[in-house]
Amino acid sequence: MINIYPANRLENLVFLLERIMQTDNDNILSEEIILVQSKGMQHWLNLKLAESRGISMNLSLSLPMLFF
């Protein structure tokens, strides 16, 4: 399923992503797929998630063209 969450501030989107990842406990071993717009955004998001959660793992952060 694809969910799209628009926002003007990236910090709000990271907060929302953290909450979604906490409540989505169907299978803790399944990989989360997150599409980002650039390699810089990929790195920044990985750092922010690791900063707030203590670790950033089991994530697939990819660009839309590579995903499709």
C-alpha atoms as a PDB file:
ATOM      1  CA  MET A   1       0.000   0.000   0.000  1.00  0.00           C
ATOM      2  CA  ILE A   2       1.237   3.498  -0.753  1.00  0.00           C
ATOM      3  CA  ASN A   3       0.590   6.293   1.724  1.00  0.00           C
ATOM      4  CA  ILE A   4       1.409   9.906   0.893  1.00  0.00           C
ATOM      5  CA  TYR A   5       1.776  12.491   3.661  1.00  0.00           C
ATOM      6  CA  PRO A   6       2.361  16.068   2.449  1.00  0.00           C
ATOM      7  CA  ALA A   7       3.840  18.670   4.795  1.00  0.00           C
ATOM      8  CA  ASN A   8       5.809  21.904   4.650  1.00  0.00           C
ATOM      9  CA  ARG A   9       8.296  20.956   7.375  1.00  0.00           C
ATOM     10  CA  LEU A  10      10.512  17.886   7.230  1.00  0.00           C
ATOM     11  CA  GLU A  11      10.612  17.659  11.024  1.00  0.00           C
ATOM     12  CA  ASN A  12       6.847  17.075  11.052  1.00  0.00           C
ATOM     13  CA  LEU A  13       7.200  14.279   8.507  1.00  0.00           C
ATOM     14  CA  VAL A  14       9.959  12.586  10.520  1.00  0.00           C
ATOM     15  CA  PHE A  15       7.792  12.757  13.642  1.00  0.00           C
ATOM     16  CA  LEU A  16       4.860  11.239  11.741  1.00  0.00           C
ATOM     17  CA  LEU A  17       7.085   8.512  10.248  1.00  0.00           C
ATOM     18  CA  GLU A  18       8.357   7.585  13.711  1.00  0.00           C
ATOM     19  CA  ARG A  19       4.791   7.242  15.019  1.00  0.00           C
ATOM     20  CA  ILE A  20       3.725   5.129  12.048  1.00  0.00           C
ATOM     21  CA  MET A  21       6.730   2.857  12.481  1.00  0.00           C
ATOM     22  CA  GLN A  22       5.930   2.429  16.192  1.00  0.00           C
ATOM     23  CA  THR A  23       2.305   1.449  15.602  1.00  0.00           C
ATOM     24  CA  ASP A  24       2.924  -0.763  12.566  1.00  0.00           C
ATOM     25  CA  ASN A  25       3.939  -4.030  14.254  1.00  0.00           C
ATOM     26  CA  ASP A  26       2.617  -6.597  11.769  1.00  0.00           C
ATOM     27  CA  ASN A  27       5.982  -8.234  11.334  1.00  0.00           C
ATOM     28  CA  ILE A  28       9.018  -6.726  13.023  1.00  0.00           C
ATOM     29  CA  LEU A  29      11.353  -8.487  10.596  1.00  0.00           C
ATOM     30  CA  SER A  30       9.747  -7.018   7.482  1.00  0.00           C
ATOM     31  CA  GLU A  31      11.616  -4.240   5.723  1.00  0.00           C
ATOM     32  CA  GLU A  32      10.110  -0.733   5.595  1.00  0.00           C
ATOM     33  CA  ILE A  33      10.281   0.855   2.131  1.00  0.00           C
ATOM     34  CA  ILE A  34      10.511   4.649   2.128  1.00  0.00           C
ATOM     35  CA  LEU A  35      10.869   6.739  -1.030  1.00  0.00           C
ATOM     36  CA  VAL A  36      12.968   9.893  -0.810  1.00  0.00           C
ATOM     37  CA  GLN A  37      13.687  12.609  -3.345  1.00  0.00           C
ATOM     38  CA  SER A  38      17.492  12.673  -3.161  1.00  0.00           C
ATOM     39  CA  LYS A  39      20.578  10.965  -1.749  1.00  0.00           C
ATOM     40  CA  GLY A  40      20.981  13.857   0.692  1.00  0.00           C
ATOM     41  CA  MET A  41      17.434  13.348   1.957  1.00  0.00           C
ATOM     42  CA  GLN A  42      18.168   9.642   2.302  1.00  0.00           C
ATOM     43  CA  HIS A  43      21.188  10.341   4.496  1.00  0.00           C
ATOM     44  CA  TRP A  44      19.412  13.040   6.552  1.00  0.00           C
ATOM     45  CA  LEU A  45      16.377  10.834   7.207  1.00  0.00           C
ATOM     46  CA  ASN A  46      18.555   7.905   8.224  1.00  0.00           C
ATOM     47  CA  LEU A  47      20.436  10.133  10.692  1.00  0.00           C
ATOM     48  CA  LYS A  48      17.236  11.615  12.160  1.00  0.00           C
ATOM     49  CA  LEU A  49      15.642   8.198  12.667  1.00  0.00           C
ATOM     50  CA  ALA A  50      18.820   6.874  14.295  1.00  0.00           C
ATOM     51  CA  GLU A  51      18.993   9.949  16.505  1.00  0.00           C
ATOM     52  CA  SER A  52      15.443   9.613  17.792  1.00  0.00           C
ATOM     53  CA  ARG A  53      15.145   5.806  17.928  1.00  0.00           C
ATOM     54  CA  GLY A  54      18.707   4.941  18.880  1.00  0.00           C
ATOM     55  CA  ILE A  55      19.167   2.860  15.728  1.00  0.00           C
ATOM     56  CA  SER A  56      18.051   2.963  12.117  1.00  0.00           C
ATOM     57  CA  MET A  57      17.816  -0.501  10.634  1.00  0.00           C
ATOM     58  CA  ASN A  58      15.693  -2.663   8.374  1.00  0.00           C
ATOM     59  CA  LEU A  59      14.830   0.337   6.190  1.00  0.00           C
ATOM     60  CA  SER A  60      14.983   0.588   2.439  1.00  0.00           C
ATOM     61  CA  LEU A  61      15.397   4.266   1.564  1.00  0.00           C
ATOM     62  CA  SER A  62      15.354   4.532  -2.207  1.00  0.00           C
ATOM     63  CA  LEU A  63      14.778   7.006  -4.978  1.00  0.00           C
ATOM     64  CA  PRO A  64      11.485   6.726  -6.925  1.00  0.00           C
ATOM     65  CA  MET A  65      13.176   5.833 -10.221  1.00  0.00           C
ATOM     66  CA  LEU A  66      15.131   3.013  -8.589  1.00  0.00           C
ATOM     67  CA  PHE A  67      12.009   1.768  -6.831  1.00  0.00           C
ATOM     68  CA  PHE A  68       9.842   1.619  -9.938  1.00  0.00           C
END
